[in-house]
Amino acid sequence: AYKAQLVATGEARGEARGEARGEARGKAKSLLAVMAARGLFVNDLVRAQILRCQDLTQLDRWITRAATAKSVSDVMIAVA
């Protein structure tokens, strides 16, 4: 019973991590889409940074900034 509980817990954690990664990936793609729609050129380095990001709060900040940004720099400014 204990082993089964450990396996179930491990599976649940793995599933949660997978869902979080999927949500981050979706937000990253949305961010890139908003930036493209606004005519902001995203170089490969920035694109990789966005796609690598797993911080959902940071991705939300970038998406919000992208809605009104005049440049990629306006979106990707460092967070204090």
Protein backbone atom coordinates (compact mmCIF):
# COMPACT_ATOMS: atom_id res chain seq x y z
CA ALA A 1 0.00 0.00 0.00
CA TYR A 2 2.82 2.38 0.90
CA LYS A 3 4.64 1.69 -2.37
CA ALA A 4 1.44 2.27 -4.34
CA GLN A 5 0.95 5.58 -2.53
CA LEU A 6 4.51 6.64 -3.38
CA VAL A 7 3.98 5.75 -7.03
CA ALA A 8 0.68 7.64 -7.14
CA THR A 9 2.29 10.69 -5.51
CA GLY A 10 5.16 10.60 -7.98
CA GLU A 11 2.79 10.29 -10.90
CA ALA A 12 0.71 13.22 -9.64
CA ARG A 13 3.82 15.39 -9.26
CA GLY A 14 5.02 14.46 -12.73
CA GLU A 15 1.62 15.23 -14.21
CA ALA A 16 1.51 18.62 -12.45
CA ARG A 17 5.00 19.50 -13.73
CA GLY A 18 3.98 18.49 -17.24
CA GLU A 19 0.85 20.63 -17.06
CA ALA A 20 2.85 23.62 -15.80
CA ARG A 21 5.39 23.19 -18.62
CA GLY A 22 2.54 23.01 -21.11
CA GLU A 23 0.95 26.15 -19.72
CA ALA A 24 4.29 27.98 -19.86
CA ARG A 25 4.84 26.82 -23.44
CA GLY A 26 1.38 28.08 -24.39
CA LYS A 27 1.99 31.48 -22.79
CA ALA A 28 5.38 31.74 -24.50
CA LYS A 29 3.79 31.03 -27.87
CA SER A 30 1.07 33.60 -27.14
CA LEU A 31 3.72 36.17 -26.26
CA LEU A 32 5.56 35.52 -29.51
CA ALA A 33 2.28 35.79 -31.42
CA VAL A 34 1.43 39.15 -29.82
CA MET A 35 4.90 40.46 -30.56
CA ALA A 36 4.68 39.30 -34.18
CA ALA A 37 1.22 40.86 -34.58
CA ARG A 38 2.60 44.15 -33.30
CA GLY A 39 5.48 43.98 -35.77
CA LEU A 40 8.17 43.51 -33.13
CA PHE A 41 11.17 41.58 -34.45
CA VAL A 42 12.25 38.85 -32.03
CA ASN A 43 15.78 37.59 -32.59
CA ASP A 44 16.78 33.98 -31.93
CA LEU A 45 18.34 34.75 -28.55
CA VAL A 46 15.19 36.45 -27.20
CA ARG A 47 12.97 33.77 -28.75
CA ALA A 48 15.00 31.08 -26.95
CA GLN A 49 14.76 33.02 -23.67
CA ILE A 50 10.98 33.26 -24.01
CA LEU A 51 10.53 29.60 -24.93
CA ARG A 52 12.83 28.50 -22.08
CA CYS A 53 10.94 30.52 -19.43
CA GLN A 54 8.88 28.42 -17.01
CA ASP A 55 7.83 31.32 -14.77
CA LEU A 56 4.13 31.88 -15.50
CA THR A 57 4.08 35.23 -13.70
CA GLN A 58 7.01 36.50 -15.77
CA LEU A 59 5.38 35.32 -18.98
CA ASP A 60 2.18 37.15 -18.00
CA ARG A 61 4.21 40.34 -17.38
CA TRP A 62 5.83 40.05 -20.79
CA ILE A 63 2.47 39.44 -22.50
CA THR A 64 1.01 42.52 -20.81
CA ARG A 65 3.97 44.65 -21.88
CA ALA A 66 3.88 43.26 -25.42
CA ALA A 67 0.34 44.60 -25.84
CA THR A 68 1.63 48.19 -25.86
CA ALA A 69 5.39 47.90 -26.41
CA LYS A 70 7.15 49.87 -29.12
CA SER A 71 10.13 47.50 -29.11
CA VAL A 72 11.22 44.09 -27.92
CA SER A 73 13.36 45.87 -25.32
CA ASP A 74 10.21 47.41 -23.86
CA VAL A 75 8.83 43.90 -23.35
CA MET A 76 11.93 42.20 -22.04
CA ILE A 77 13.08 44.82 -19.51
CA ALA A 78 14.59 43.35 -16.36
CA VAL A 79 12.26 42.83 -13.44
CA ALA A 80 13.45 44.51 -10.23
